[in-house]
Amino acid sequence: MKTLMNLMLLLLCSLSATACARPLVDLTVVDRDTGSTLQTYTHHGRCYIAGDPGHRYALHLYNHTGERVMVVLSVDGVNAVTGQTAGSDQAGYVLGPWENAEIAGWRKSYSDIAQFVFTALDDSYAARTGRPDNVGVIGMAVFRERRIEPVYVQPYSPPVAERDESGRYDGPYDARKEARATAPAAQAAGTASGLAREKASKDSYSYNGAATDSIAKQEIGTGHGAREYAPTSETSFDRLSSSPQQVTQLFYDTPQQLVARGIMPRYYAHRWPREDAPQAFPTGFVPDPSW
């Protein structure tokens, strides 16, 4: 009984460690007009942020590992580097060990971007290019880099003779004979090892998203904003596998929509005043009266 209890405790600890495992790369969204990191709300297994229409934003990436990783970014279902309908096998950004970066727009060249900005759905880049179906979600696929392992070369050894039962040498040792004898076992071991590696590769795939359910109409998307100088360069990257080791999705909409759908607490609706609300300090100077 005591042994069973210990095994159950070990299993629970293992599950807790897996559930709380740190992702390879953290993704947060920064409102560039206020300088604040947008709070994340969890609802039915999804993560949400509230975007303020007209505000520019940036995606902040942080590599938690001591190795290079590749991050393929999707905004509204569009690759943020190439403009293609997003797929995990496309181009992305490479982060060095423990490196962080802010991606603030659609990549237009090696020197500039078009700023990410929260805008009306019909004015989003995806909708204006005929792809409105995935507006309202930011995603990333993260890949580890394949390492080139050193190849060990067995040093050459001359053949030796083996003794017969009388103690005499009966000729050179036939390595092929032993290889034929052990081949079935070696082949079986190799097959099992290959399956284990394949399973480990599949198990390491972490999917943090969720299927889209029936929700209210999306209000905002990501627009193609003003040009901005943001230089980058090209590098090579050999992916560890064709499948990403981490996939993360982050949904967004206006604060009012998230409150209406029960994702954000209702009192948060008062933090964003109506555009037509009176202001104590409107901009500008005192104009002449009209009479």
C-alpha atoms as a PDB file:
ATOM      1  CA  MET A   1       0.000   0.000   0.000  1.00  0.00           C
ATOM      2  CA  LYS A   2       2.825   2.374   0.910  1.00  0.00           C
ATOM      3  CA  THR A   3       4.565   1.583  -2.374  1.00  0.00           C
ATOM      4  CA  LEU A   4       1.346   2.347  -4.291  1.00  0.00           C
ATOM      5  CA  MET A   5       0.988   5.697  -2.500  1.00  0.00           C
ATOM      6  CA  ASN A   6       4.588   6.611  -3.357  1.00  0.00           C
ATOM      7  CA  LEU A   7       3.997   5.743  -7.017  1.00  0.00           C
ATOM      8  CA  MET A   8       0.852   7.909  -7.070  1.00  0.00           C
ATOM      9  CA  LEU A   9       2.763  10.841  -5.542  1.00  0.00           C
ATOM     10  CA  LEU A  10       5.517  10.478  -8.134  1.00  0.00           C
ATOM     11  CA  LEU A  11       2.905  10.443 -10.913  1.00  0.00           C
ATOM     12  CA  LEU A  12       1.209  13.581  -9.567  1.00  0.00           C
ATOM     13  CA  CYS A  13       4.552  15.383  -9.299  1.00  0.00           C
ATOM     14  CA  SER A  14       5.372  14.390 -12.860  1.00  0.00           C
ATOM     15  CA  LEU A  15       2.027  15.684 -14.146  1.00  0.00           C
ATOM     16  CA  SER A  16       2.431  18.952 -12.236  1.00  0.00           C
ATOM     17  CA  ALA A  17       5.905  19.475 -13.676  1.00  0.00           C
ATOM     18  CA  THR A  18       4.574  18.879 -17.185  1.00  0.00           C
ATOM     19  CA  ALA A  19       1.622  21.242 -16.745  1.00  0.00           C
ATOM     20  CA  CYS A  20       3.846  24.022 -15.399  1.00  0.00           C
ATOM     21  CA  ALA A  21       6.685  23.473 -17.840  1.00  0.00           C
ATOM     22  CA  ARG A  22       8.047  26.756 -19.140  1.00  0.00           C
ATOM     23  CA  PRO A  23       7.508  27.327 -22.869  1.00  0.00           C
ATOM     24  CA  LEU A  24      10.480  27.672 -25.191  1.00  0.00           C
ATOM     25  CA  VAL A  25       9.422  31.213 -26.106  1.00  0.00           C
ATOM     26  CA  ASP A  26       7.140  33.641 -24.278  1.00  0.00           C
ATOM     27  CA  LEU A  27       4.766  35.813 -26.319  1.00  0.00           C
ATOM     28  CA  THR A  28       3.340  39.050 -24.901  1.00  0.00           C
ATOM     29  CA  VAL A  29       1.753  42.056 -26.577  1.00  0.00           C
ATOM     30  CA  VAL A  30       2.839  45.637 -25.828  1.00  0.00           C
ATOM     31  CA  ASP A  31       0.630  48.660 -26.509  1.00  0.00           C
ATOM     32  CA  ARG A  32       3.144  51.045 -28.075  1.00  0.00           C
ATOM     33  CA  ASP A  33       0.951  54.106 -27.487  1.00  0.00           C
ATOM     34  CA  THR A  34       0.707  53.560 -23.719  1.00  0.00           C
ATOM     35  CA  GLY A  35       3.878  51.508 -23.171  1.00  0.00           C
ATOM     36  CA  SER A  36       1.968  48.889 -21.184  1.00  0.00           C
ATOM     37  CA  THR A  37       1.979  45.111 -21.611  1.00  0.00           C
ATOM     38  CA  LEU A  38      -1.561  43.991 -22.356  1.00  0.00           C
ATOM     39  CA  GLN A  39      -3.052  41.745 -19.689  1.00  0.00           C
ATOM     40  CA  THR A  40      -3.930  38.188 -20.713  1.00  0.00           C
ATOM     41  CA  TYR A  41      -7.317  36.679 -19.831  1.00  0.00           C
ATOM     42  CA  THR A  42      -7.975  32.933 -19.947  1.00  0.00           C
ATOM     43  CA  HIS A  43     -11.405  31.732 -21.006  1.00  0.00           C
ATOM     44  CA  HIS A  44     -12.378  28.147 -21.923  1.00  0.00           C
ATOM     45  CA  GLY A  45      -8.772  27.186 -22.590  1.00  0.00           C
ATOM     46  CA  ARG A  46      -7.943  30.217 -24.736  1.00  0.00           C
ATOM     47  CA  CYS A  47      -5.860  33.294 -23.985  1.00  0.00           C
ATOM     48  CA  TYR A  48      -7.235  36.748 -24.852  1.00  0.00           C
ATOM     49  CA  ILE A  49      -6.032  40.354 -24.830  1.00  0.00           C
ATOM     50  CA  ALA A  50      -8.025  43.569 -25.245  1.00  0.00           C
ATOM     51  CA  GLY A  51      -6.876  45.863 -28.057  1.00  0.00           C
ATOM     52  CA  ASP A  52      -7.701  49.559 -28.173  1.00  0.00           C
ATOM     53  CA  PRO A  53      -8.690  50.598 -31.735  1.00  0.00           C
ATOM     54  CA  GLY A  54      -6.184  52.988 -33.276  1.00  0.00           C
ATOM     55  CA  HIS A  55      -3.328  51.914 -30.997  1.00  0.00           C
ATOM     56  CA  ARG A  56      -0.072  50.511 -32.359  1.00  0.00           C
ATOM     57  CA  TYR A  57       1.243  47.322 -30.815  1.00  0.00           C
ATOM     58  CA  ALA A  58       4.297  45.063 -30.825  1.00  0.00           C
ATOM     59  CA  LEU A  59       4.856  41.372 -30.178  1.00  0.00           C
ATOM     60  CA  HIS A  60       7.472  40.788 -27.493  1.00  0.00           C
ATOM     61  CA  LEU A  61       9.303  37.464 -27.799  1.00  0.00           C
ATOM     62  CA  TYR A  62      11.624  35.994 -25.160  1.00  0.00           C
ATOM     63  CA  ASN A  63      13.703  32.863 -25.734  1.00  0.00           C
ATOM     64  CA  HIS A  64      13.900  30.865 -22.493  1.00  0.00           C
ATOM     65  CA  THR A  65      16.505  28.442 -23.845  1.00  0.00           C
ATOM     66  CA  GLY A  66      20.277  28.474 -24.177  1.00  0.00           C
ATOM     67  CA  GLU A  67      20.064  27.688 -27.891  1.00  0.00           C
ATOM     68  CA  ARG A  68      18.846  29.339 -31.059  1.00  0.00           C
ATOM     69  CA  VAL A  69      15.165  28.976 -31.916  1.00  0.00           C
ATOM     70  CA  MET A  70      13.074  29.974 -34.909  1.00  0.00           C
ATOM     71  CA  VAL A  71       9.704  31.702 -34.438  1.00  0.00           C
ATOM     72  CA  VAL A  72       7.187  31.741 -37.296  1.00  0.00           C
ATOM     73  CA  LEU A  73       4.695  34.543 -36.585  1.00  0.00           C
ATOM     74  CA  SER A  74       1.090  34.631 -37.763  1.00  0.00           C
ATOM     75  CA  VAL A  75      -1.127  37.702 -37.369  1.00  0.00           C
ATOM     76  CA  ASP A  76      -4.755  37.274 -38.446  1.00  0.00           C
ATOM     77  CA  GLY A  77      -3.698  34.119 -40.301  1.00  0.00           C
ATOM     78  CA  VAL A  78      -1.010  35.956 -42.313  1.00  0.00           C
ATOM     79  CA  ASN A  79       2.759  35.376 -42.027  1.00  0.00           C
ATOM     80  CA  ALA A  80       4.228  38.568 -40.537  1.00  0.00           C
ATOM     81  CA  VAL A  81       7.424  38.240 -42.618  1.00  0.00           C
ATOM     82  CA  THR A  82       6.276  37.105 -46.070  1.00  0.00           C
ATOM     83  CA  GLY A  83       2.597  38.109 -46.216  1.00  0.00           C
ATOM     84  CA  GLN A  84       1.604  34.568 -47.198  1.00  0.00           C
ATOM     85  CA  THR A  85      -1.395  32.807 -45.691  1.00  0.00           C
ATOM     86  CA  ALA A  86       0.407  31.510 -42.613  1.00  0.00           C
ATOM     87  CA  GLY A  87       1.929  28.037 -42.370  1.00  0.00           C
ATOM     88  CA  SER A  88       4.448  26.719 -39.857  1.00  0.00           C
ATOM     89  CA  ASP A  89       6.880  25.710 -42.634  1.00  0.00           C
ATOM     90  CA  GLN A  90       7.436  29.335 -43.709  1.00  0.00           C
ATOM     91  CA  ALA A  91      10.021  32.008 -42.905  1.00  0.00           C
ATOM     92  CA  GLY A  92      10.342  33.377 -39.395  1.00  0.00           C
ATOM     93  CA  TYR A  93      12.576  35.196 -36.929  1.00  0.00           C
ATOM     94  CA  VAL A  94      15.603  33.521 -35.304  1.00  0.00           C
ATOM     95  CA  LEU A  95      16.320  34.330 -31.645  1.00  0.00           C
ATOM     96  CA  GLY A  96      19.694  33.673 -30.059  1.00  0.00           C
ATOM     97  CA  PRO A  97      20.105  32.011 -26.636  1.00  0.00           C
ATOM     98  CA  TRP A  98      18.146  33.926 -23.960  1.00  0.00           C
ATOM     99  CA  GLU A  99      17.443  36.681 -26.491  1.00  0.00           C
ATOM    100  CA  ASN A 100      14.335  38.856 -26.590  1.00  0.00           C
ATOM    101  CA  ALA A 101      12.935  40.889 -29.482  1.00  0.00           C
ATOM    102  CA  GLU A 102      10.010  43.142 -30.308  1.00  0.00           C
ATOM    103  CA  ILE A 103       8.292  42.647 -33.647  1.00  0.00           C
ATOM    104  CA  ALA A 104       6.298  45.820 -34.296  1.00  0.00           C
ATOM    105  CA  GLY A 105       4.957  45.314 -37.799  1.00  0.00           C
ATOM    106  CA  TRP A 106       4.656  43.526 -41.112  1.00  0.00           C
ATOM    107  CA  ARG A 107       8.112  42.972 -42.625  1.00  0.00           C
ATOM    108  CA  LYS A 108       8.381  45.040 -45.819  1.00  0.00           C
ATOM    109  CA  SER A 109      12.117  44.651 -46.440  1.00  0.00           C
ATOM    110  CA  TYR A 110      15.355  44.035 -44.535  1.00  0.00           C
ATOM    111  CA  SER A 111      15.222  47.654 -43.390  1.00  0.00           C
ATOM    112  CA  ASP A 112      11.595  48.567 -42.643  1.00  0.00           C
ATOM    113  CA  ILE A 113       8.166  47.383 -41.485  1.00  0.00           C
ATOM    114  CA  ALA A 114       4.541  48.518 -41.669  1.00  0.00           C
ATOM    115  CA  GLN A 115       3.347  49.021 -38.096  1.00  0.00           C
ATOM    116  CA  PHE A 116       0.870  46.689 -36.413  1.00  0.00           C
ATOM    117  CA  VAL A 117      -2.182  48.729 -35.413  1.00  0.00           C
ATOM    118  CA  PHE A 118      -5.547  47.693 -34.010  1.00  0.00           C
ATOM    119  CA  THR A 119      -8.167  48.788 -36.516  1.00  0.00           C
ATOM    120  CA  ALA A 120     -11.688  47.999 -37.722  1.00  0.00           C
ATOM    121  CA  LEU A 121     -12.019  44.469 -39.071  1.00  0.00           C
ATOM    122  CA  ASP A 122     -12.766  45.627 -42.632  1.00  0.00           C
ATOM    123  CA  ASP A 123      -9.619  47.776 -42.585  1.00  0.00           C
ATOM    124  CA  SER A 124      -7.341  44.958 -41.393  1.00  0.00           C
ATOM    125  CA  TYR A 125      -4.544  43.818 -43.708  1.00  0.00           C
ATOM    126  CA  ALA A 126      -5.978  40.291 -43.867  1.00  0.00           C
ATOM    127  CA  ALA A 127      -9.455  41.533 -44.860  1.00  0.00           C
ATOM    128  CA  ARG A 128      -8.067  43.993 -47.410  1.00  0.00           C
ATOM    129  CA  THR A 129      -6.147  41.144 -49.060  1.00  0.00           C
ATOM    130  CA  GLY A 130      -9.227  38.900 -49.194  1.00  0.00           C
ATOM    131  CA  ARG A 131      -8.441  36.716 -46.149  1.00  0.00           C
ATOM    132  CA  PRO A 132     -10.772  37.816 -43.307  1.00  0.00           C
ATOM    133  CA  ASP A 133     -11.545  34.356 -41.887  1.00  0.00           C
ATOM    134  CA  ASN A 134      -8.761  34.301 -39.266  1.00  0.00           C
ATOM    135  CA  VAL A 135      -8.823  37.930 -38.127  1.00  0.00           C
ATOM    136  CA  GLY A 136      -8.533  38.232 -34.349  1.00  0.00           C
ATOM    137  CA  VAL A 137      -5.757  35.771 -33.510  1.00  0.00           C
ATOM    138  CA  ILE A 138      -1.987  36.076 -33.139  1.00  0.00           C
ATOM    139  CA  GLY A 139       0.064  32.874 -33.265  1.00  0.00           C
ATOM    140  CA  MET A 140       3.596  31.572 -33.231  1.00  0.00           C
ATOM    141  CA  ALA A 141       5.216  28.251 -34.101  1.00  0.00           C
ATOM    142  CA  VAL A 142       8.578  27.644 -32.413  1.00  0.00           C
ATOM    143  CA  PHE A 143      11.298  25.332 -33.726  1.00  0.00           C
ATOM    144  CA  ARG A 144      14.465  24.065 -32.095  1.00  0.00           C
ATOM    145  CA  GLU A 145      17.633  23.958 -34.178  1.00  0.00           C
ATOM    146  CA  ARG A 146      19.170  20.730 -35.378  1.00  0.00           C
ATOM    147  CA  ARG A 147      22.644  20.269 -33.952  1.00  0.00           C
ATOM    148  CA  ILE A 148      25.394  18.618 -35.973  1.00  0.00           C
ATOM    149  CA  GLU A 149      26.752  15.811 -33.794  1.00  0.00           C
ATOM    150  CA  PRO A 150      30.402  14.790 -34.231  1.00  0.00           C
ATOM    151  CA  VAL A 151      30.821  11.503 -36.098  1.00  0.00           C
ATOM    152  CA  TYR A 152      32.941   8.917 -34.291  1.00  0.00           C
ATOM    153  CA  VAL A 153      35.140   6.873 -36.632  1.00  0.00           C
ATOM    154  CA  GLN A 154      36.187   3.478 -35.316  1.00  0.00           C
ATOM    155  CA  PRO A 155      39.978   3.193 -35.541  1.00  0.00           C
ATOM    156  CA  TYR A 156      41.258   0.413 -37.759  1.00  0.00           C
ATOM    157  CA  SER A 157      42.383  -2.790 -36.025  1.00  0.00           C
ATOM    158  CA  PRO A 158      44.114  -5.679 -37.825  1.00  0.00           C
ATOM    159  CA  PRO A 159      42.331  -9.102 -37.770  1.00  0.00           C
ATOM    160  CA  VAL A 160      43.142 -11.587 -35.043  1.00  0.00           C
ATOM    161  CA  ALA A 161      42.972 -15.395 -34.949  1.00  0.00           C
ATOM    162  CA  GLU A 162      40.789 -17.320 -32.518  1.00  0.00           C
ATOM    163  CA  ARG A 163      41.750 -20.562 -30.769  1.00  0.00           C
ATOM    164  CA  ASP A 164      40.002 -23.904 -31.195  1.00  0.00           C
ATOM    165  CA  GLU A 165      39.217 -26.257 -28.289  1.00  0.00           C
ATOM    166  CA  SER A 166      42.757 -27.651 -28.344  1.00  0.00           C
ATOM    167  CA  GLY A 167      44.184 -24.175 -27.823  1.00  0.00           C
ATOM    168  CA  ARG A 168      45.478 -23.864 -31.377  1.00  0.00           C
ATOM    169  CA  TYR A 169      44.640 -20.938 -33.669  1.00  0.00           C
ATOM    170  CA  ASP A 170      42.200 -22.046 -36.377  1.00  0.00           C
ATOM    171  CA  GLY A 171      42.419 -18.996 -38.610  1.00  0.00           C
ATOM    172  CA  PRO A 172      41.327 -15.391 -38.622  1.00  0.00           C
ATOM    173  CA  TYR A 173      38.249 -14.342 -36.714  1.00  0.00           C
ATOM    174  CA  ASP A 174      35.254 -14.025 -39.048  1.00  0.00           C
ATOM    175  CA  ALA A 175      33.468 -10.780 -38.044  1.00  0.00           C
ATOM    176  CA  ARG A 176      30.808 -11.361 -40.677  1.00  0.00           C
ATOM    177  CA  LYS A 177      29.743 -14.610 -38.972  1.00  0.00           C
ATOM    178  CA  GLU A 178      29.080 -12.829 -35.685  1.00  0.00           C
ATOM    179  CA  ALA A 179      27.360  -9.941 -37.490  1.00  0.00           C
ATOM    180  CA  ARG A 180      24.976 -12.381 -39.174  1.00  0.00           C
ATOM    181  CA  ALA A 181      24.233 -14.014 -35.823  1.00  0.00           C
ATOM    182  CA  THR A 182      23.456 -10.762 -34.053  1.00  0.00           C
ATOM    183  CA  ALA A 183      21.702  -9.023 -36.951  1.00  0.00           C
ATOM    184  CA  PRO A 184      18.095  -9.943 -35.975  1.00  0.00           C
ATOM    185  CA  ALA A 185      18.525  -8.677 -32.419  1.00  0.00           C
ATOM    186  CA  ALA A 186      20.249  -5.508 -33.574  1.00  0.00           C
ATOM    187  CA  GLN A 187      17.553  -4.856 -36.135  1.00  0.00           C
ATOM    188  CA  ALA A 188      14.824  -5.299 -33.517  1.00  0.00           C
ATOM    189  CA  ALA A 189      16.628  -2.945 -31.140  1.00  0.00           C
ATOM    190  CA  GLY A 190      17.057  -0.363 -33.882  1.00  0.00           C
ATOM    191  CA  THR A 191      13.358  -0.475 -34.759  1.00  0.00           C
ATOM    192  CA  ALA A 192      12.338   0.029 -31.138  1.00  0.00           C
ATOM    193  CA  SER A 193      14.755   2.943 -30.801  1.00  0.00           C
ATOM    194  CA  GLY A 194      13.375   4.567 -33.936  1.00  0.00           C
ATOM    195  CA  LEU A 195       9.809   4.327 -32.650  1.00  0.00           C
ATOM    196  CA  ALA A 196      10.855   5.818 -29.336  1.00  0.00           C
ATOM    197  CA  ARG A 197      12.501   8.742 -31.069  1.00  0.00           C
ATOM    198  CA  GLU A 198       9.425   9.282 -33.211  1.00  0.00           C
ATOM    199  CA  LYS A 199       7.164   9.174 -30.155  1.00  0.00           C
ATOM    200  CA  ALA A 200       9.418  11.581 -28.257  1.00  0.00           C
ATOM    201  CA  SER A 201       9.265  13.987 -31.170  1.00  0.00           C
ATOM    202  CA  LYS A 202       5.462  13.844 -31.213  1.00  0.00           C
ATOM    203  CA  ASP A 203       5.157  14.128 -27.444  1.00  0.00           C
ATOM    204  CA  SER A 204       7.333  17.254 -27.411  1.00  0.00           C
ATOM    205  CA  TYR A 205       4.834  19.045 -29.627  1.00  0.00           C
ATOM    206  CA  SER A 206       3.001  21.482 -27.350  1.00  0.00           C
ATOM    207  CA  TYR A 207      -0.272  22.927 -28.623  1.00  0.00           C
ATOM    208  CA  ASN A 208      -1.614  25.824 -26.590  1.00  0.00           C
ATOM    209  CA  GLY A 209      -4.510  26.786 -28.860  1.00  0.00           C
ATOM    210  CA  ALA A 210      -8.133  25.752 -29.082  1.00  0.00           C
ATOM    211  CA  ALA A 211     -10.712  25.266 -31.815  1.00  0.00           C
ATOM    212  CA  THR A 212     -12.789  28.298 -32.680  1.00  0.00           C
ATOM    213  CA  ASP A 213     -16.238  28.160 -31.127  1.00  0.00           C
ATOM    214  CA  SER A 214     -19.362  30.093 -31.889  1.00  0.00           C
ATOM    215  CA  ILE A 215     -18.669  33.696 -30.798  1.00  0.00           C
ATOM    216  CA  ALA A 216     -19.938  37.197 -31.412  1.00  0.00           C
ATOM    217  CA  LYS A 217     -18.773  39.085 -34.481  1.00  0.00           C
ATOM    218  CA  GLN A 218     -15.136  40.153 -34.353  1.00  0.00           C
ATOM    219  CA  GLU A 219     -14.809  43.957 -34.162  1.00  0.00           C
ATOM    220  CA  ILE A 220     -11.114  44.658 -34.776  1.00  0.00           C
ATOM    221  CA  GLY A 221      -8.151  43.314 -36.702  1.00  0.00           C
ATOM    222  CA  THR A 222      -4.550  44.317 -37.389  1.00  0.00           C
ATOM    223  CA  GLY A 223      -4.002  47.072 -39.922  1.00  0.00           C
ATOM    224  CA  HIS A 224      -1.109  47.858 -42.261  1.00  0.00           C
ATOM    225  CA  GLY A 225       0.186  50.965 -40.496  1.00  0.00           C
ATOM    226  CA  ALA A 226       2.826  53.584 -41.187  1.00  0.00           C
ATOM    227  CA  ARG A 227       6.297  52.592 -42.351  1.00  0.00           C
ATOM    228  CA  GLU A 228       9.000  52.379 -39.700  1.00  0.00           C
ATOM    229  CA  TYR A 229      12.742  51.750 -39.834  1.00  0.00           C
ATOM    230  CA  ALA A 230      13.426  48.311 -38.344  1.00  0.00           C
ATOM    231  CA  PRO A 231      16.577  46.721 -39.811  1.00  0.00           C
ATOM    232  CA  THR A 232      17.190  42.984 -39.788  1.00  0.00           C
ATOM    233  CA  SER A 233      19.405  40.492 -41.603  1.00  0.00           C
ATOM    234  CA  GLU A 234      19.195  37.003 -43.087  1.00  0.00           C
ATOM    235  CA  THR A 235      20.574  33.863 -41.475  1.00  0.00           C
ATOM    236  CA  SER A 236      20.411  30.106 -41.958  1.00  0.00           C
ATOM    237  CA  PHE A 237      18.496  27.757 -39.658  1.00  0.00           C
ATOM    238  CA  ASP A 238      18.135  23.968 -39.830  1.00  0.00           C
ATOM    239  CA  ARG A 239      14.939  22.926 -38.042  1.00  0.00           C
ATOM    240  CA  LEU A 240      15.093  19.978 -35.682  1.00  0.00           C
ATOM    241  CA  SER A 241      11.880  18.598 -37.209  1.00  0.00           C
ATOM    242  CA  SER A 242       9.162  19.551 -39.658  1.00  0.00           C
ATOM    243  CA  SER A 243       6.709  19.939 -36.764  1.00  0.00           C
ATOM    244  CA  PRO A 244       7.129  22.837 -34.310  1.00  0.00           C
ATOM    245  CA  GLN A 245       8.019  22.098 -30.697  1.00  0.00           C
ATOM    246  CA  GLN A 246       5.637  24.828 -29.488  1.00  0.00           C
ATOM    247  CA  VAL A 247       2.506  26.414 -30.945  1.00  0.00           C
ATOM    248  CA  THR A 248       0.842  29.334 -29.155  1.00  0.00           C
ATOM    249  CA  GLN A 249      -2.324  31.249 -30.022  1.00  0.00           C
ATOM    250  CA  LEU A 250      -3.446  34.562 -28.537  1.00  0.00           C
ATOM    251  CA  PHE A 251      -6.922  35.885 -29.393  1.00  0.00           C
ATOM    252  CA  TYR A 252      -7.880  39.553 -29.270  1.00  0.00           C
ATOM    253  CA  ASP A 253     -10.814  41.931 -29.639  1.00  0.00           C
ATOM    254  CA  THR A 254     -12.050  45.221 -28.195  1.00  0.00           C
ATOM    255  CA  PRO A 255     -12.536  45.507 -24.406  1.00  0.00           C
ATOM    256  CA  GLN A 256     -16.266  45.951 -24.910  1.00  0.00           C
ATOM    257  CA  GLN A 257     -16.519  42.740 -26.921  1.00  0.00           C
ATOM    258  CA  LEU A 258     -14.504  40.742 -24.388  1.00  0.00           C
ATOM    259  CA  VAL A 259     -16.691  42.059 -21.552  1.00  0.00           C
ATOM    260  CA  ALA A 260     -19.866  41.257 -23.496  1.00  0.00           C
ATOM    261  CA  ARG A 261     -18.660  37.683 -24.095  1.00  0.00           C
ATOM    262  CA  GLY A 262     -17.809  37.155 -20.418  1.00  0.00           C
ATOM    263  CA  ILE A 263     -14.054  36.978 -20.995  1.00  0.00           C
ATOM    264  CA  MET A 264     -13.196  40.143 -19.047  1.00  0.00           C
ATOM    265  CA  PRO A 265     -14.857  41.310 -15.818  1.00  0.00           C
ATOM    266  CA  ARG A 266     -17.682  43.750 -16.518  1.00  0.00           C
ATOM    267  CA  TYR A 267     -16.130  46.589 -14.498  1.00  0.00           C
ATOM    268  CA  TYR A 268     -13.274  46.749 -17.008  1.00  0.00           C
ATOM    269  CA  ALA A 269     -15.670  48.259 -19.539  1.00  0.00           C
ATOM    270  CA  HIS A 270     -15.477  51.571 -17.657  1.00  0.00           C
ATOM    271  CA  ARG A 271     -11.719  51.810 -18.185  1.00  0.00           C
ATOM    272  CA  TRP A 272     -12.208  52.621 -21.857  1.00  0.00           C
ATOM    273  CA  PRO A 273     -14.328  55.807 -22.250  1.00  0.00           C
ATOM    274  CA  ARG A 274     -16.578  56.258 -25.257  1.00  0.00           C
ATOM    275  CA  GLU A 275     -15.103  58.277 -28.089  1.00  0.00           C
ATOM    276  CA  ASP A 276     -18.000  60.738 -27.840  1.00  0.00           C
ATOM    277  CA  ALA A 277     -17.673  61.169 -24.064  1.00  0.00           C
ATOM    278  CA  PRO A 278     -16.981  64.751 -22.821  1.00  0.00           C
ATOM    279  CA  GLN A 279     -13.352  65.567 -21.994  1.00  0.00           C
ATOM    280  CA  ALA A 280     -12.135  67.972 -19.308  1.00  0.00           C
ATOM    281  CA  PHE A 281      -8.959  68.853 -21.227  1.00  0.00           C
ATOM    282  CA  PRO A 282      -9.503  68.672 -24.979  1.00  0.00           C
ATOM    283  CA  THR A 283      -6.448  69.466 -27.084  1.00  0.00           C
ATOM    284  CA  GLY A 284      -5.903  72.830 -28.829  1.00  0.00           C
ATOM    285  CA  PHE A 285      -6.266  76.505 -27.891  1.00  0.00           C
ATOM    286  CA  VAL A 286      -9.229  78.728 -27.142  1.00  0.00           C
ATOM    287  CA  PRO A 287     -10.986  79.582 -30.425  1.00  0.00           C
ATOM    288  CA  ASP A 288     -12.914  82.763 -31.152  1.00  0.00           C
ATOM    289  CA  PRO A 289     -16.643  82.468 -30.543  1.00  0.00           C
ATOM    290  CA  SER A 290     -18.775  82.038 -33.623  1.00  0.00           C
ATOM    291  CA  TRP A 291     -20.817  85.175 -32.916  1.00  0.00           C
END
